Amino acid sequence: MDIESLAQIRQIVMEVAQGVREEMAVLGTDLRSEITDTKRHMGVLTEGLRHELQLVAEAVQLQSERITDVRGEIEIQARETRALLQLSYEQLQQRVENLEHRVQIIEQRLGLSA
């Protein structure tokens, strides 16, 4: 190989390297642009998700408050029901005792008591 051939090869390599550098620069610019667009898009998505998450949190809070209210109402109704049952039981117990007493009196009058 002579010096002229080496110079031509060097020139070709330099031109190819320059072309590669230019393409890399364009690709780098495109990549930075894509990264910027992706960051912006992710920011918008993140903000939307934050908003939706806030709505879910508010809904959960409202449901929690409603459950607490319903639980309180159920407890009140349960206490009232227990009080009514207790009263009914006491009244029935009194009636049974009265009936037993009457039966005892009747048995005594008829001479059936032991």
C-alpha atoms as a PDB file:
ATOM      1  CA  MET A   1       0.000   0.000   0.000  1.00  0.00           C
ATOM      2  CA  ASP A   2       1.263   3.348  -0.819  1.00  0.00           C
ATOM      3  CA  ILE A   3       0.821   6.670   0.932  1.00  0.00           C
ATOM      4  CA  GLU A   4      -1.826   7.790  -1.505  1.00  0.00           C
ATOM      5  CA  SER A   5      -3.969   4.703  -0.788  1.00  0.00           C
ATOM      6  CA  LEU A   6      -3.578   5.236   2.940  1.00  0.00           C
ATOM      7  CA  ALA A   7      -4.607   8.862   2.548  1.00  0.00           C
ATOM      8  CA  GLN A   8      -7.707   7.795   0.606  1.00  0.00           C
ATOM      9  CA  ILE A   9      -8.612   5.194   3.252  1.00  0.00           C
ATOM     10  CA  ARG A  10      -8.040   7.770   5.970  1.00  0.00           C
ATOM     11  CA  GLN A  11     -10.268  10.240   4.090  1.00  0.00           C
ATOM     12  CA  ILE A  12     -13.019   7.616   3.718  1.00  0.00           C
ATOM     13  CA  VAL A  13     -12.789   6.685   7.406  1.00  0.00           C
ATOM     14  CA  MET A  14     -12.922  10.383   8.375  1.00  0.00           C
ATOM     15  CA  GLU A  15     -15.978  10.965   6.173  1.00  0.00           C
ATOM     16  CA  VAL A  16     -17.736   7.891   7.574  1.00  0.00           C
ATOM     17  CA  ALA A  17     -16.817   8.927  11.142  1.00  0.00           C
ATOM     18  CA  GLN A  18     -18.130  12.433  10.465  1.00  0.00           C
ATOM     19  CA  GLY A  19     -21.363  10.972   9.097  1.00  0.00           C
ATOM     20  CA  VAL A  20     -21.699   8.751  12.151  1.00  0.00           C
ATOM     21  CA  ARG A  21     -21.063  11.750  14.439  1.00  0.00           C
ATOM     22  CA  GLU A  22     -23.729  13.785  12.646  1.00  0.00           C
ATOM     23  CA  GLU A  23     -26.217  10.927  12.846  1.00  0.00           C
ATOM     24  CA  MET A  24     -25.390  10.425  16.534  1.00  0.00           C
ATOM     25  CA  ALA A  25     -25.942  14.133  17.145  1.00  0.00           C
ATOM     26  CA  VAL A  26     -29.340  13.978  15.412  1.00  0.00           C
ATOM     27  CA  LEU A  27     -30.245  10.811  17.308  1.00  0.00           C
ATOM     28  CA  GLY A  28     -29.129  12.443  20.586  1.00  0.00           C
ATOM     29  CA  THR A  29     -31.298  15.481  19.876  1.00  0.00           C
ATOM     30  CA  ASP A  30     -34.243  13.270  18.945  1.00  0.00           C
ATOM     31  CA  LEU A  31     -33.709  11.156  22.049  1.00  0.00           C
ATOM     32  CA  ARG A  32     -33.601  14.220  24.310  1.00  0.00           C
ATOM     33  CA  SER A  33     -36.781  15.480  22.679  1.00  0.00           C
ATOM     34  CA  GLU A  34     -38.485  12.115  23.207  1.00  0.00           C
ATOM     35  CA  ILE A  35     -37.312  12.030  26.840  1.00  0.00           C
ATOM     36  CA  THR A  36     -38.678  15.532  27.409  1.00  0.00           C
ATOM     37  CA  ASP A  37     -42.006  14.597  25.832  1.00  0.00           C
ATOM     38  CA  THR A  38     -42.156  11.401  27.885  1.00  0.00           C
ATOM     39  CA  LYS A  39     -41.414  13.290  31.105  1.00  0.00           C
ATOM     40  CA  ARG A  40     -44.160  15.795  30.295  1.00  0.00           C
ATOM     41  CA  HIS A  41     -46.612  13.008  29.478  1.00  0.00           C
ATOM     42  CA  MET A  42     -45.724  11.133  32.680  1.00  0.00           C
ATOM     43  CA  GLY A  43     -46.240  14.346  34.651  1.00  0.00           C
ATOM     44  CA  VAL A  44     -49.722  14.725  33.179  1.00  0.00           C
ATOM     45  CA  LEU A  45     -50.524  11.063  33.912  1.00  0.00           C
ATOM     46  CA  THR A  46     -49.186  11.364  37.447  1.00  0.00           C
ATOM     47  CA  GLU A  47     -51.278  14.450  38.108  1.00  0.00           C
ATOM     48  CA  GLY A  48     -54.375  12.674  36.783  1.00  0.00           C
ATOM     49  CA  LEU A  49     -53.689   9.674  39.003  1.00  0.00           C
ATOM     50  CA  ARG A  50     -53.196  11.929  42.015  1.00  0.00           C
ATOM     51  CA  HIS A  51     -56.551  13.542  41.334  1.00  0.00           C
ATOM     52  CA  GLU A  52     -58.270  10.178  40.957  1.00  0.00           C
ATOM     53  CA  LEU A  53     -56.586   8.888  44.108  1.00  0.00           C
ATOM     54  CA  GLN A  54     -57.811  11.956  45.991  1.00  0.00           C
ATOM     55  CA  LEU A  55     -61.351  11.241  44.778  1.00  0.00           C
ATOM     56  CA  VAL A  56     -61.065   7.636  45.956  1.00  0.00           C
ATOM     57  CA  ALA A  57     -59.740   8.769  49.347  1.00  0.00           C
ATOM     58  CA  GLU A  58     -62.670  11.176  49.726  1.00  0.00           C
ATOM     59  CA  ALA A  59     -65.142   8.442  48.779  1.00  0.00           C
ATOM     60  CA  VAL A  60     -63.566   6.061  51.298  1.00  0.00           C
ATOM     61  CA  GLN A  61     -63.796   8.741  53.993  1.00  0.00           C
ATOM     62  CA  LEU A  62     -67.468   9.361  53.208  1.00  0.00           C
ATOM     63  CA  GLN A  63     -68.217   5.632  53.290  1.00  0.00           C
ATOM     64  CA  SER A  64     -66.359   5.288  56.574  1.00  0.00           C
ATOM     65  CA  GLU A  65     -68.437   8.090  58.079  1.00  0.00           C
ATOM     66  CA  ARG A  66     -71.627   6.502  56.749  1.00  0.00           C
ATOM     67  CA  ILE A  67     -70.663   3.121  58.216  1.00  0.00           C
ATOM     68  CA  THR A  68     -70.027   4.790  61.564  1.00  0.00           C
ATOM     69  CA  ASP A  69     -73.457   6.471  61.395  1.00  0.00           C
ATOM     70  CA  VAL A  70     -75.202   3.212  60.470  1.00  0.00           C
ATOM     71  CA  ARG A  71     -73.350   1.341  63.215  1.00  0.00           C
ATOM     72  CA  GLY A  72     -74.545   3.938  65.744  1.00  0.00           C
ATOM     73  CA  GLU A  73     -78.126   3.614  64.507  1.00  0.00           C
ATOM     74  CA  ILE A  74     -77.943  -0.186  64.752  1.00  0.00           C
ATOM     75  CA  GLU A  75     -76.589   0.012  68.302  1.00  0.00           C
ATOM     76  CA  ILE A  76     -79.426   2.331  69.330  1.00  0.00           C
ATOM     77  CA  GLN A  77     -82.009   0.006  67.764  1.00  0.00           C
ATOM     78  CA  ALA A  78     -80.392  -3.027  69.424  1.00  0.00           C
ATOM     79  CA  ARG A  79     -80.564  -1.344  72.861  1.00  0.00           C
ATOM     80  CA  GLU A  80     -84.204  -0.409  72.277  1.00  0.00           C
ATOM     81  CA  THR A  81     -84.995  -3.955  71.129  1.00  0.00           C
ATOM     82  CA  ARG A  82     -83.281  -5.455  74.187  1.00  0.00           C
ATOM     83  CA  ALA A  83     -85.222  -3.088  76.465  1.00  0.00           C
ATOM     84  CA  LEU A  84     -88.523  -4.070  74.819  1.00  0.00           C
ATOM     85  CA  LEU A  85     -87.681  -7.773  75.055  1.00  0.00           C
ATOM     86  CA  GLN A  86     -86.741  -7.384  78.713  1.00  0.00           C
ATOM     87  CA  LEU A  87     -90.026  -5.602  79.411  1.00  0.00           C
ATOM     88  CA  SER A  88     -91.998  -8.238  77.495  1.00  0.00           C
ATOM     89  CA  TYR A  89     -90.203 -11.017  79.354  1.00  0.00           C
ATOM     90  CA  GLU A  90     -90.943  -9.403  82.712  1.00  0.00           C
ATOM     91  CA  GLN A  91     -94.609  -8.956  81.781  1.00  0.00           C
ATOM     92  CA  LEU A  92     -94.874 -12.578  80.616  1.00  0.00           C
ATOM     93  CA  GLN A  93     -93.123 -13.762  83.760  1.00  0.00           C
ATOM     94  CA  GLN A  94     -95.606 -11.809  85.885  1.00  0.00           C
ATOM     95  CA  ARG A  95     -98.545 -13.274  83.956  1.00  0.00           C
ATOM     96  CA  VAL A  96     -97.196 -16.830  84.384  1.00  0.00           C
ATOM     97  CA  GLU A  97     -96.727 -16.255  88.111  1.00  0.00           C
ATOM     98  CA  ASN A  98    -100.273 -14.851  88.370  1.00  0.00           C
ATOM     99  CA  LEU A  99    -101.672 -17.843  86.485  1.00  0.00           C
ATOM    100  CA  GLU A 100     -99.718 -20.279  88.641  1.00  0.00           C
ATOM    101  CA  HIS A 101    -101.048 -18.529  91.738  1.00  0.00           C
ATOM    102  CA  ARG A 102    -104.616 -18.732  90.436  1.00  0.00           C
ATOM    103  CA  VAL A 103    -104.180 -22.432  89.606  1.00  0.00           C
ATOM    104  CA  GLN A 104    -102.866 -23.011  93.117  1.00  0.00           C
ATOM    105  CA  ILE A 105    -105.905 -21.240  94.646  1.00  0.00           C
ATOM    106  CA  ILE A 106    -108.287 -23.229  92.445  1.00  0.00           C
ATOM    107  CA  GLU A 107    -106.563 -26.497  93.360  1.00  0.00           C
ATOM    108  CA  GLN A 108    -106.817 -25.602  97.046  1.00  0.00           C
ATOM    109  CA  ARG A 109    -110.543 -24.838  96.754  1.00  0.00           C
ATOM    110  CA  LEU A 110    -111.119 -28.102  94.908  1.00  0.00           C
ATOM    111  CA  GLY A 111    -108.963 -30.006  97.369  1.00  0.00           C
ATOM    112  CA  LEU A 112    -106.519 -31.058  94.671  1.00  0.00           C
ATOM    113  CA  SER A 113    -103.392 -29.622  96.223  1.00  0.00           C
ATOM    114  CA  ALA A 114    -100.893 -31.914  97.796  1.00  0.00           C
END
